[in-house]
Structures are given as C-alpha cells and as structure tokens.
Amino acid sequence: MSNNKKKTLNRSDIELTLSQEFPDITKSQISLAIDSILESIVDAVALDEKAEIRGFGTFSKKYIRPRKFINPKTKEVSYLGETSTMHFKPSKLLKCSNP
C-alpha cells in the first residue's frame, strides 16, 4: 500500500524558504511582508479590482448568481441572493510548469 498523499505547501514552509533565501531578514519581517502582500490582494479583490502577479496568476472576484435551494431534510425552499468568491486564474507560465 503506497502513500499517494500530496504534500501541501503552507505558510510556514514559505516563511522557512524565504528565511533561508534572505538570512538578513528576521522571521517577523518575513511574516509581516507576507501579511502585507495577502492583505493587498484581498483588499483589491474586495474593491472589484484584479490583483495580478506576473508569471503566477490573477486574483479577481467571481459573482455567483442568485439561486434557490431545497433543504433535503425539511423540503423547505429557500433563496440565496447573489454572492461572490475569490477566483484565481493561473498564468500561462504557471500552467505549463506542471510536470
């Protein structure tokens, strides 16, 4: 029985890689920089703007149409208004780099 579970790259992995790449920068400065980048992306998308990172991809807001749904247990029909979610479109370079 083989273990085919893929490793997940998380924030601490990114912080570790950056601290090895840039030993003169403290961990707290690296963490603050990551927070600032992510906050900028979230703020831009929240304001209906796109956040593009060349060679990586584009973050944008995707609207989900209003819809009705039925509770399977009670059979009650409810309606959900328009909602939105963050959408990521990878760059062509990122799409082509998969092994």
PDB file of N, CA and C in Angstrom:
ATOM      1  N   MET A   1       0.848  -1.188   0.000  1.00  0.00           N
ATOM      2  CA  MET A   1       0.000   0.000   0.000  1.00  0.00           C
ATOM      3  C   MET A   1       0.884   1.238   0.000  1.00  0.00           C
ATOM      4  N   SER A   2       0.785   2.021  -1.038  1.00  0.00           N
ATOM      5  CA  SER A   2       1.627   3.208  -1.144  1.00  0.00           C
ATOM      6  C   SER A   2       0.873   4.438  -0.657  1.00  0.00           C
ATOM      7  N   ASN A   3       1.643   5.396  -0.209  1.00  0.00           N
ATOM      8  CA  ASN A   3       1.061   6.640   0.286  1.00  0.00           C
ATOM      9  C   ASN A   3       1.132   7.679  -0.833  1.00  0.00           C
ATOM     10  N   ASN A   4       0.009   7.948  -1.500  1.00  0.00           N
ATOM     11  CA  ASN A   4      -0.042   8.885  -2.612  1.00  0.00           C
ATOM     12  C   ASN A   4      -0.478  10.277  -2.196  1.00  0.00           C
ATOM     13  N   LYS A   5      -0.500  10.550  -0.891  1.00  0.00           N
ATOM     14  CA  LYS A   5      -0.947  11.852  -0.418  1.00  0.00           C
ATOM     15  C   LYS A   5       0.061  12.923  -0.818  1.00  0.00           C
ATOM     16  N   LYS A   6      -0.441  13.992  -1.438  1.00  0.00           N
ATOM     17  CA  LYS A   6       0.424  15.071  -1.878  1.00  0.00           C
ATOM     18  C   LYS A   6       0.726  16.002  -0.721  1.00  0.00           C
ATOM     19  N   LYS A   7       1.964  16.489  -0.668  1.00  0.00           N
ATOM     20  CA  LYS A   7       2.355  17.428   0.368  1.00  0.00           C
ATOM     21  C   LYS A   7       1.743  18.794   0.083  1.00  0.00           C
ATOM     22  N   THR A   8       1.301  19.454   1.094  1.00  0.00           N
ATOM     23  CA  THR A   8       0.720  20.781   0.972  1.00  0.00           C
ATOM     24  C   THR A   8       1.762  21.811   1.392  1.00  0.00           C
ATOM     25  N   LEU A   9       1.959  22.814   0.559  1.00  0.00           N
ATOM     26  CA  LEU A   9       2.848  23.914   0.885  1.00  0.00           C
ATOM     27  C   LEU A   9       2.050  24.908   1.713  1.00  0.00           C
ATOM     28  N   ASN A  10       2.505  25.167   2.930  1.00  0.00           N
ATOM     29  CA  ASN A  10       1.755  26.099   3.775  1.00  0.00           C
ATOM     30  C   ASN A  10       2.598  27.340   4.097  1.00  0.00           C
ATOM     31  N   ARG A  11       2.014  28.216   4.837  1.00  0.00           N
ATOM     32  CA  ARG A  11       2.642  29.493   5.146  1.00  0.00           C
ATOM     33  C   ARG A  11       3.992  29.317   5.836  1.00  0.00           C
ATOM     34  N   SER A  12       4.095  28.392   6.782  1.00  0.00           N
ATOM     35  CA  SER A  12       5.362  28.205   7.493  1.00  0.00           C
ATOM     36  C   SER A  12       6.453  27.694   6.556  1.00  0.00           C
ATOM     37  N   ASP A  13       6.074  26.908   5.532  1.00  0.00           N
ATOM     38  CA  ASP A  13       7.048  26.455   4.532  1.00  0.00           C
ATOM     39  C   ASP A  13       7.578  27.650   3.732  1.00  0.00           C
ATOM     40  N   ILE A  14       6.685  28.553   3.371  1.00  0.00           N
ATOM     41  CA  ILE A  14       7.084  29.746   2.621  1.00  0.00           C
ATOM     42  C   ILE A  14       7.994  30.624   3.478  1.00  0.00           C
ATOM     43  N   GLU A  15       7.625  30.802   4.736  1.00  0.00           N
ATOM     44  CA  GLU A  15       8.451  31.604   5.646  1.00  0.00           C
ATOM     45  C   GLU A  15       9.838  30.989   5.807  1.00  0.00           C
ATOM     46  N   LEU A  16       9.914  29.669   5.929  1.00  0.00           N
ATOM     47  CA  LEU A  16      11.195  28.977   6.078  1.00  0.00           C
ATOM     48  C   LEU A  16      12.056  29.154   4.825  1.00  0.00           C
ATOM     49  N   THR A  17      11.448  28.986   3.663  1.00  0.00           N
ATOM     50  CA  THR A  17      12.182  29.148   2.403  1.00  0.00           C
ATOM     51  C   THR A  17      12.714  30.570   2.259  1.00  0.00           C
ATOM     52  N   LEU A  18      11.875  31.556   2.578  1.00  0.00           N
ATOM     53  CA  LEU A  18      12.307  32.949   2.485  1.00  0.00           C
ATOM     54  C   LEU A  18      13.406  33.272   3.503  1.00  0.00           C
ATOM     55  N   SER A  19      13.317  32.709   4.700  1.00  0.00           N
ATOM     56  CA  SER A  19      14.348  32.982   5.710  1.00  0.00           C
ATOM     57  C   SER A  19      15.685  32.347   5.319  1.00  0.00           C
ATOM     58  N   GLN A  20      15.647  31.225   4.588  1.00  0.00           N
ATOM     59  CA  GLN A  20      16.885  30.614   4.095  1.00  0.00           C
ATOM     60  C   GLN A  20      17.454  31.412   2.917  1.00  0.00           C
ATOM     61  N   GLU A  21      16.554  31.926   2.068  1.00  0.00           N
ATOM     62  CA  GLU A  21      16.961  32.698   0.894  1.00  0.00           C
ATOM     63  C   GLU A  21      17.496  34.077   1.283  1.00  0.00           C
ATOM     64  N   PHE A  22      16.909  34.663   2.322  1.00  0.00           N
ATOM     65  CA  PHE A  22      17.290  36.000   2.776  1.00  0.00           C
ATOM     66  C   PHE A  22      17.604  35.955   4.277  1.00  0.00           C
ATOM     67  N   PRO A  23      18.802  35.471   4.646  1.00  0.00           N
ATOM     68  CA  PRO A  23      19.127  35.288   6.079  1.00  0.00           C
ATOM     69  C   PRO A  23      19.214  36.590   6.873  1.00  0.00           C
ATOM     70  N   ASP A  24      19.359  37.735   6.188  1.00  0.00           N
ATOM     71  CA  ASP A  24      19.458  39.014   6.906  1.00  0.00           C
ATOM     72  C   ASP A  24      18.107  39.556   7.350  1.00  0.00           C
ATOM     73  N   ILE A  25      17.023  38.962   6.857  1.00  0.00           N
ATOM     74  CA  ILE A  25      15.681  39.423   7.222  1.00  0.00           C
ATOM     75  C   ILE A  25      15.137  38.525   8.334  1.00  0.00           C
ATOM     76  N   THR A  26      14.567  39.153   9.371  1.00  0.00           N
ATOM     77  CA  THR A  26      14.055  38.373  10.503  1.00  0.00           C
ATOM     78  C   THR A  26      12.752  37.669  10.138  1.00  0.00           C
ATOM     79  N   LYS A  27      12.433  36.637  10.918  1.00  0.00           N
ATOM     80  CA  LYS A  27      11.183  35.903  10.681  1.00  0.00           C
ATOM     81  C   LYS A  27       9.967  36.808  10.824  1.00  0.00           C
ATOM     82  N   SER A  28      10.000  37.719  11.772  1.00  0.00           N
ATOM     83  CA  SER A  28       8.852  38.610  11.960  1.00  0.00           C
ATOM     84  C   SER A  28       8.699  39.560  10.776  1.00  0.00           C
ATOM     85  N   GLN A  29       9.813  40.006  10.182  1.00  0.00           N
ATOM     86  CA  GLN A  29       9.738  40.862   9.000  1.00  0.00           C
ATOM     87  C   GLN A  29       9.181  40.085   7.805  1.00  0.00           C
ATOM     88  N   ILE A  30       9.590  38.829   7.663  1.00  0.00           N
ATOM     89  CA  ILE A  30       9.080  37.980   6.589  1.00  0.00           C
ATOM     90  C   ILE A  30       7.585  37.760   6.763  1.00  0.00           C
ATOM     91  N   SER A  31       7.170  37.467   7.981  1.00  0.00           N
ATOM     92  CA  SER A  31       5.756  37.247   8.271  1.00  0.00           C
ATOM     93  C   SER A  31       4.945  38.513   7.981  1.00  0.00           C
ATOM     94  N   LEU A  32       5.476  39.658   8.348  1.00  0.00           N
ATOM     95  CA  LEU A  32       4.812  40.938   8.106  1.00  0.00           C
ATOM     96  C   LEU A  32       4.690  41.204   6.599  1.00  0.00           C
ATOM     97  N   ALA A  33       5.732  40.865   5.843  1.00  0.00           N
ATOM     98  CA  ALA A  33       5.707  41.058   4.390  1.00  0.00           C
ATOM     99  C   ALA A  33       4.644  40.169   3.746  1.00  0.00           C
ATOM    100  N   ILE A  34       4.561  38.919   4.166  1.00  0.00           N
ATOM    101  CA  ILE A  34       3.545  38.002   3.637  1.00  0.00           C
ATOM    102  C   ILE A  34       2.153  38.520   3.968  1.00  0.00           C
ATOM    103  N   ASP A  35       1.947  38.959   5.208  1.00  0.00           N
ATOM    104  CA  ASP A  35       0.657  39.534   5.611  1.00  0.00           C
ATOM    105  C   ASP A  35       0.286  40.723   4.728  1.00  0.00           C
ATOM    106  N   SER A  36       1.258  41.584   4.466  1.00  0.00           N
ATOM    107  CA  SER A  36       1.017  42.784   3.672  1.00  0.00           C
ATOM    108  C   SER A  36       0.635  42.428   2.232  1.00  0.00           C
ATOM    109  N   ILE A  37       1.321  41.451   1.643  1.00  0.00           N
ATOM    110  CA  ILE A  37       1.017  41.022   0.277  1.00  0.00           C
ATOM    111  C   ILE A  37      -0.388  40.440   0.202  1.00  0.00           C
ATOM    112  N   LEU A  38      -0.706  39.530   1.117  1.00  0.00           N
ATOM    113  CA  LEU A  38      -2.027  38.899   1.105  1.00  0.00           C
ATOM    114  C   LEU A  38      -3.136  39.913   1.357  1.00  0.00           C
ATOM    115  N   GLU A  39      -2.903  40.836   2.275  1.00  0.00           N
ATOM    116  CA  GLU A  39      -3.901  41.873   2.572  1.00  0.00           C
ATOM    117  C   GLU A  39      -4.146  42.764   1.360  1.00  0.00           C
ATOM    118  N   SER A  40      -3.078  43.082   0.624  1.00  0.00           N
ATOM    119  CA  SER A  40      -3.219  43.899  -0.583  1.00  0.00           C
ATOM    120  C   SER A  40      -4.066  43.184  -1.629  1.00  0.00           C
ATOM    121  N   ILE A  41      -3.843  41.892  -1.792  1.00  0.00           N
ATOM    122  CA  ILE A  41      -4.611  41.105  -2.760  1.00  0.00           C
ATOM    123  C   ILE A  41      -6.081  41.060  -2.353  1.00  0.00           C
ATOM    124  N   VAL A  42      -6.342  40.762  -1.101  1.00  0.00           N
ATOM    125  CA  VAL A  42      -7.722  40.669  -0.604  1.00  0.00           C
ATOM    126  C   VAL A  42      -8.427  42.016  -0.727  1.00  0.00           C
ATOM    127  N   ASP A  43      -7.746  43.101  -0.364  1.00  0.00           N
ATOM    128  CA  ASP A  43      -8.352  44.431  -0.452  1.00  0.00           C
ATOM    129  C   ASP A  43      -8.698  44.794  -1.897  1.00  0.00           C
ATOM    130  N   ALA A  44      -7.799  44.497  -2.825  1.00  0.00           N
ATOM    131  CA  ALA A  44      -8.042  44.810  -4.234  1.00  0.00           C
ATOM    132  C   ALA A  44      -9.252  44.037  -4.757  1.00  0.00           C
ATOM    133  N   VAL A  45      -9.307  42.749  -4.458  1.00  0.00           N
ATOM    134  CA  VAL A  45     -10.419  41.925  -4.933  1.00  0.00           C
ATOM    135  C   VAL A  45     -11.735  42.380  -4.295  1.00  0.00           C
ATOM    136  N   ALA A  46     -11.694  42.749  -3.023  1.00  0.00           N
ATOM    137  CA  ALA A  46     -12.906  43.221  -2.349  1.00  0.00           C
ATOM    138  C   ALA A  46     -13.448  44.491  -3.002  1.00  0.00           C
ATOM    139  N   LEU A  47     -12.565  45.289  -3.592  1.00  0.00           N
ATOM    140  CA  LEU A  47     -12.969  46.532  -4.260  1.00  0.00           C
ATOM    141  C   LEU A  47     -13.228  46.316  -5.748  1.00  0.00           C
ATOM    142  N   ASP A  48     -13.465  45.054  -6.151  1.00  0.00           N
ATOM    143  CA  ASP A  48     -13.741  44.684  -7.546  1.00  0.00           C
ATOM    144  C   ASP A  48     -12.578  44.973  -8.485  1.00  0.00           C
ATOM    145  N   GLU A  49     -11.377  44.999  -7.961  1.00  0.00           N
ATOM    146  CA  GLU A  49     -10.197  45.164  -8.792  1.00  0.00           C
ATOM    147  C   GLU A  49      -9.544  43.798  -8.975  1.00  0.00           C
ATOM    148  N   LYS A  50      -8.657  43.708  -9.953  1.00  0.00           N
ATOM    149  CA  LYS A  50      -7.896  42.479 -10.142  1.00  0.00           C
ATOM    150  C   LYS A  50      -6.513  42.671  -9.537  1.00  0.00           C
ATOM    151  N   ALA A  51      -5.968  41.593  -8.986  1.00  0.00           N
ATOM    152  CA  ALA A  51      -4.604  41.613  -8.471  1.00  0.00           C
ATOM    153  C   ALA A  51      -3.798  40.632  -9.309  1.00  0.00           C
ATOM    154  N   GLU A  52      -2.856  41.155 -10.077  1.00  0.00           N
ATOM    155  CA  GLU A  52      -2.077  40.309 -10.980  1.00  0.00           C
ATOM    156  C   GLU A  52      -0.642  40.200 -10.500  1.00  0.00           C
ATOM    157  N   ILE A  53      -0.150  38.976 -10.438  1.00  0.00           N
ATOM    158  CA  ILE A  53       1.252  38.722 -10.138  1.00  0.00           C
ATOM    159  C   ILE A  53       1.831  38.076 -11.394  1.00  0.00           C
ATOM    160  N   ARG A  54       2.633  38.814 -12.126  1.00  0.00           N
ATOM    161  CA  ARG A  54       3.166  38.341 -13.412  1.00  0.00           C
ATOM    162  C   ARG A  54       3.908  37.029 -13.227  1.00  0.00           C
ATOM    163  N   GLY A  55       3.622  36.084 -14.106  1.00  0.00           N
ATOM    164  CA  GLY A  55       4.265  34.782 -14.053  1.00  0.00           C
ATOM    165  C   GLY A  55       3.615  33.832 -13.065  1.00  0.00           C
ATOM    166  N   PHE A  56       2.640  34.316 -12.308  1.00  0.00           N
ATOM    167  CA  PHE A  56       1.943  33.477 -11.325  1.00  0.00           C
ATOM    168  C   PHE A  56       0.467  33.376 -11.645  1.00  0.00           C
ATOM    169  N   GLY A  57      -0.225  34.509 -11.662  1.00  0.00           N
ATOM    170  CA  GLY A  57      -1.646  34.480 -11.978  1.00  0.00           C
ATOM    171  C   GLY A  57      -2.367  35.741 -11.551  1.00  0.00           C
ATOM    172  N   THR A  58      -3.688  35.701 -11.722  1.00  0.00           N
ATOM    173  CA  THR A  58      -4.542  36.848 -11.424  1.00  0.00           C
ATOM    174  C   THR A  58      -5.644  36.449 -10.453  1.00  0.00           C
ATOM    175  N   PHE A  59      -5.838  37.281  -9.444  1.00  0.00           N
ATOM    176  CA  PHE A  59      -6.919  37.096  -8.479  1.00  0.00           C
ATOM    177  C   PHE A  59      -8.027  38.083  -8.830  1.00  0.00           C
ATOM    178  N   SER A  60      -9.263  37.621  -8.833  1.00  0.00           N
ATOM    179  CA  SER A  60     -10.387  38.501  -9.121  1.00  0.00           C
ATOM    180  C   SER A  60     -11.621  38.016  -8.360  1.00  0.00           C
ATOM    181  N   LYS A  61     -12.651  38.841  -8.399  1.00  0.00           N
ATOM    182  CA  LYS A  61     -13.905  38.487  -7.738  1.00  0.00           C
ATOM    183  C   LYS A  61     -14.814  37.799  -8.746  1.00  0.00           C
ATOM    184  N   LYS A  62     -15.391  36.691  -8.356  1.00  0.00           N
ATOM    185  CA  LYS A  62     -16.321  35.967  -9.225  1.00  0.00           C
ATOM    186  C   LYS A  62     -17.686  36.010  -8.552  1.00  0.00           C
ATOM    187  N   TYR A  63     -18.684  36.433  -9.324  1.00  0.00           N
ATOM    188  CA  TYR A  63     -20.036  36.518  -8.784  1.00  0.00           C
ATOM    189  C   TYR A  63     -20.782  35.206  -9.030  1.00  0.00           C
ATOM    190  N   ILE A  64     -21.540  34.791  -8.046  1.00  0.00           N
ATOM    191  CA  ILE A  64     -22.354  33.584  -8.143  1.00  0.00           C
ATOM    192  C   ILE A  64     -23.808  34.029  -8.169  1.00  0.00           C
ATOM    193  N   ARG A  65     -24.509  33.604  -9.211  1.00  0.00           N
ATOM    194  CA  ARG A  65     -25.878  34.064  -9.455  1.00  0.00           C
ATOM    195  C   ARG A  65     -26.800  33.721  -8.273  1.00  0.00           C
ATOM    196  N   PRO A  66     -27.871  34.499  -8.101  1.00  0.00           N
ATOM    197  CA  PRO A  66     -28.861  34.165  -7.078  1.00  0.00           C
ATOM    198  C   PRO A  66     -29.500  32.811  -7.422  1.00  0.00           C
ATOM    199  N   ARG A  67     -29.845  32.049  -6.422  1.00  0.00           N
ATOM    200  CA  ARG A  67     -30.414  30.730  -6.686  1.00  0.00           C
ATOM    201  C   ARG A  67     -31.303  30.284  -5.534  1.00  0.00           C
ATOM    202  N   LYS A  68     -32.130  29.305  -5.834  1.00  0.00           N
ATOM    203  CA  LYS A  68     -32.954  28.727  -4.775  1.00  0.00           C
ATOM    204  C   LYS A  68     -32.379  27.367  -4.429  1.00  0.00           C
ATOM    205  N   PHE A  69     -32.599  26.957  -3.209  1.00  0.00           N
ATOM    206  CA  PHE A  69     -32.154  25.634  -2.801  1.00  0.00           C
ATOM    207  C   PHE A  69     -33.213  25.007  -1.901  1.00  0.00           C
ATOM    208  N   ILE A  70     -33.193  23.706  -1.842  1.00  0.00           N
ATOM    209  CA  ILE A  70     -34.179  22.956  -1.056  1.00  0.00           C
ATOM    210  C   ILE A  70     -33.440  22.183   0.027  1.00  0.00           C
ATOM    211  N   ASN A  71     -33.899  22.382   1.266  1.00  0.00           N
ATOM    212  CA  ASN A  71     -33.345  21.617   2.373  1.00  0.00           C
ATOM    213  C   ASN A  71     -33.817  20.169   2.208  1.00  0.00           C
ATOM    214  N   PRO A  72     -32.907  19.222   2.013  1.00  0.00           N
ATOM    215  CA  PRO A  72     -33.326  17.844   1.745  1.00  0.00           C
ATOM    216  C   PRO A  72     -34.079  17.190   2.917  1.00  0.00           C
ATOM    217  N   LYS A  73     -33.803  17.672   4.115  1.00  0.00           N
ATOM    218  CA  LYS A  73     -34.447  17.073   5.282  1.00  0.00           C
ATOM    219  C   LYS A  73     -35.874  17.578   5.472  1.00  0.00           C
ATOM    220  N   THR A  74     -36.055  18.907   5.349  1.00  0.00           N
ATOM    221  CA  THR A  74     -37.368  19.501   5.619  1.00  0.00           C
ATOM    222  C   THR A  74     -38.152  19.808   4.345  1.00  0.00           C
ATOM    223  N   LYS A  75     -37.494  19.707   3.198  1.00  0.00           N
ATOM    224  CA  LYS A  75     -38.086  20.035   1.888  1.00  0.00           C
ATOM    225  C   LYS A  75     -38.461  21.513   1.777  1.00  0.00           C
ATOM    226  N   GLU A  76     -37.934  22.336   2.678  1.00  0.00           N
ATOM    227  CA  GLU A  76     -38.219  23.763   2.661  1.00  0.00           C
ATOM    228  C   GLU A  76     -37.413  24.439   1.555  1.00  0.00           C
ATOM    229  N   VAL A  77     -38.070  25.280   0.762  1.00  0.00           N
ATOM    230  CA  VAL A  77     -37.407  26.014  -0.311  1.00  0.00           C
ATOM    231  C   VAL A  77     -36.933  27.356   0.237  1.00  0.00           C
ATOM    232  N   SER A  78     -35.665  27.659  -0.007  1.00  0.00           N
ATOM    233  CA  SER A  78     -35.101  28.935   0.426  1.00  0.00           C
ATOM    234  C   SER A  78     -34.396  29.572  -0.754  1.00  0.00           C
ATOM    235  N   TYR A  79     -34.138  30.844  -0.636  1.00  0.00           N
ATOM    236  CA  TYR A  79     -33.475  31.575  -1.706  1.00  0.00           C
ATOM    237  C   TYR A  79     -32.202  32.211  -1.178  1.00  0.00           C
ATOM    238  N   LEU A  80     -31.183  32.165  -2.002  1.00  0.00           N
ATOM    239  CA  LEU A  80     -29.896  32.751  -1.660  1.00  0.00           C
ATOM    240  C   LEU A  80     -29.597  33.821  -2.702  1.00  0.00           C
ATOM    241  N   GLY A  81     -29.354  35.028  -2.249  1.00  0.00           N
ATOM    242  CA  GLY A  81     -29.066  36.122  -3.171  1.00  0.00           C
ATOM    243  C   GLY A  81     -27.700  35.960  -3.819  1.00  0.00           C
ATOM    244  N   GLU A  82     -27.347  36.917  -4.634  1.00  0.00           N
ATOM    245  CA  GLU A  82     -26.055  36.877  -5.311  1.00  0.00           C
ATOM    246  C   GLU A  82     -24.932  36.906  -4.279  1.00  0.00           C
ATOM    247  N   THR A  83     -23.969  36.059  -4.473  1.00  0.00           N
ATOM    248  CA  THR A  83     -22.801  36.025  -3.593  1.00  0.00           C
ATOM    249  C   THR A  83     -21.559  36.149  -4.461  1.00  0.00           C
ATOM    250  N   SER A  84     -20.433  36.318  -3.822  1.00  0.00           N
ATOM    251  CA  SER A  84     -19.188  36.397  -4.587  1.00  0.00           C
ATOM    252  C   SER A  84     -18.110  35.594  -3.874  1.00  0.00           C
ATOM    253  N   THR A  85     -17.108  35.212  -4.642  1.00  0.00           N
ATOM    254  CA  THR A  85     -15.988  34.459  -4.111  1.00  0.00           C
ATOM    255  C   THR A  85     -14.728  34.913  -4.823  1.00  0.00           C
ATOM    256  N   MET A  86     -13.578  34.600  -4.266  1.00  0.00           N
ATOM    257  CA  MET A  86     -12.329  34.959  -4.912  1.00  0.00           C
ATOM    258  C   MET A  86     -11.994  33.895  -5.949  1.00  0.00           C
ATOM    259  N   HIS A  87     -11.559  34.342  -7.113  1.00  0.00           N
ATOM    260  CA  HIS A  87     -11.218  33.446  -8.213  1.00  0.00           C
ATOM    261  C   HIS A  87      -9.743  33.637  -8.545  1.00  0.00           C
ATOM    262  N   PHE A  88      -9.042  32.529  -8.823  1.00  0.00           N
ATOM    263  CA  PHE A  88      -7.638  32.596  -9.217  1.00  0.00           C
ATOM    264  C   PHE A  88      -7.475  31.994 -10.598  1.00  0.00           C
ATOM    265  N   LYS A  89      -6.867  32.739 -11.490  1.00  0.00           N
ATOM    266  CA  LYS A  89      -6.581  32.241 -12.832  1.00  0.00           C
ATOM    267  C   LYS A  89      -5.060  32.180 -12.971  1.00  0.00           C
ATOM    268  N   PRO A  90      -4.507  30.969 -13.082  1.00  0.00           N
ATOM    269  CA  PRO A  90      -3.043  30.855 -13.194  1.00  0.00           C
ATOM    270  C   PRO A  90      -2.535  31.413 -14.517  1.00  0.00           C
ATOM    271  N   SER A  91      -1.303  31.910 -14.512  1.00  0.00           N
ATOM    272  CA  SER A  91      -0.707  32.424 -15.745  1.00  0.00           C
ATOM    273  C   SER A  91      -0.352  31.263 -16.667  1.00  0.00           C
ATOM    274  N   LYS A  92      -0.114  31.576 -17.926  1.00  0.00           N
ATOM    275  CA  LYS A  92       0.275  30.544 -18.887  1.00  0.00           C
ATOM    276  C   LYS A  92       1.572  29.884 -18.445  1.00  0.00           C
ATOM    277  N   LEU A  93       2.482  30.653 -17.905  1.00  0.00           N
ATOM    278  CA  LEU A  93       3.762  30.121 -17.433  1.00  0.00           C
ATOM    279  C   LEU A  93       3.557  29.112 -16.315  1.00  0.00           C
ATOM    280  N   LEU A  94       2.647  29.411 -15.400  1.00  0.00           N
ATOM    281  CA  LEU A  94       2.366  28.507 -14.281  1.00  0.00           C
ATOM    282  C   LEU A  94       1.672  27.244 -14.763  1.00  0.00           C
ATOM    283  N   LYS A  95       0.770  27.370 -15.726  1.00  0.00           N
ATOM    284  CA  LYS A  95       0.074  26.198 -16.273  1.00  0.00           C
ATOM    285  C   LYS A  95       1.038  25.248 -16.952  1.00  0.00           C
ATOM    286  N   CYS A  96       2.029  25.788 -17.633  1.00  0.00           N
ATOM    287  CA  CYS A  96       2.969  24.968 -18.401  1.00  0.00           C
ATOM    288  C   CYS A  96       4.064  24.358 -17.548  1.00  0.00           C
ATOM    289  N   SER A  97       4.225  24.804 -16.308  1.00  0.00           N
ATOM    290  CA  SER A  97       5.326  24.307 -15.494  1.00  0.00           C
ATOM    291  C   SER A  97       5.018  23.037 -14.720  1.00  0.00           C
ATOM    292  N   ASN A  98       3.798  22.490 -14.868  1.00  0.00           N
ATOM    293  CA  ASN A  98       3.449  21.249 -14.180  1.00  0.00           C
ATOM    294  C   ASN A  98       4.190  20.084 -14.823  1.00  0.00           C
ATOM    295  N   PRO A  99       4.758  19.162 -13.992  1.00  0.00           N
ATOM    296  CA  PRO A  99       5.488  18.019 -14.539  1.00  0.00           C
ATOM    297  C   PRO A  99       4.587  17.002 -15.183  1.00  0.00           C
TER     298      PRO A  99
END
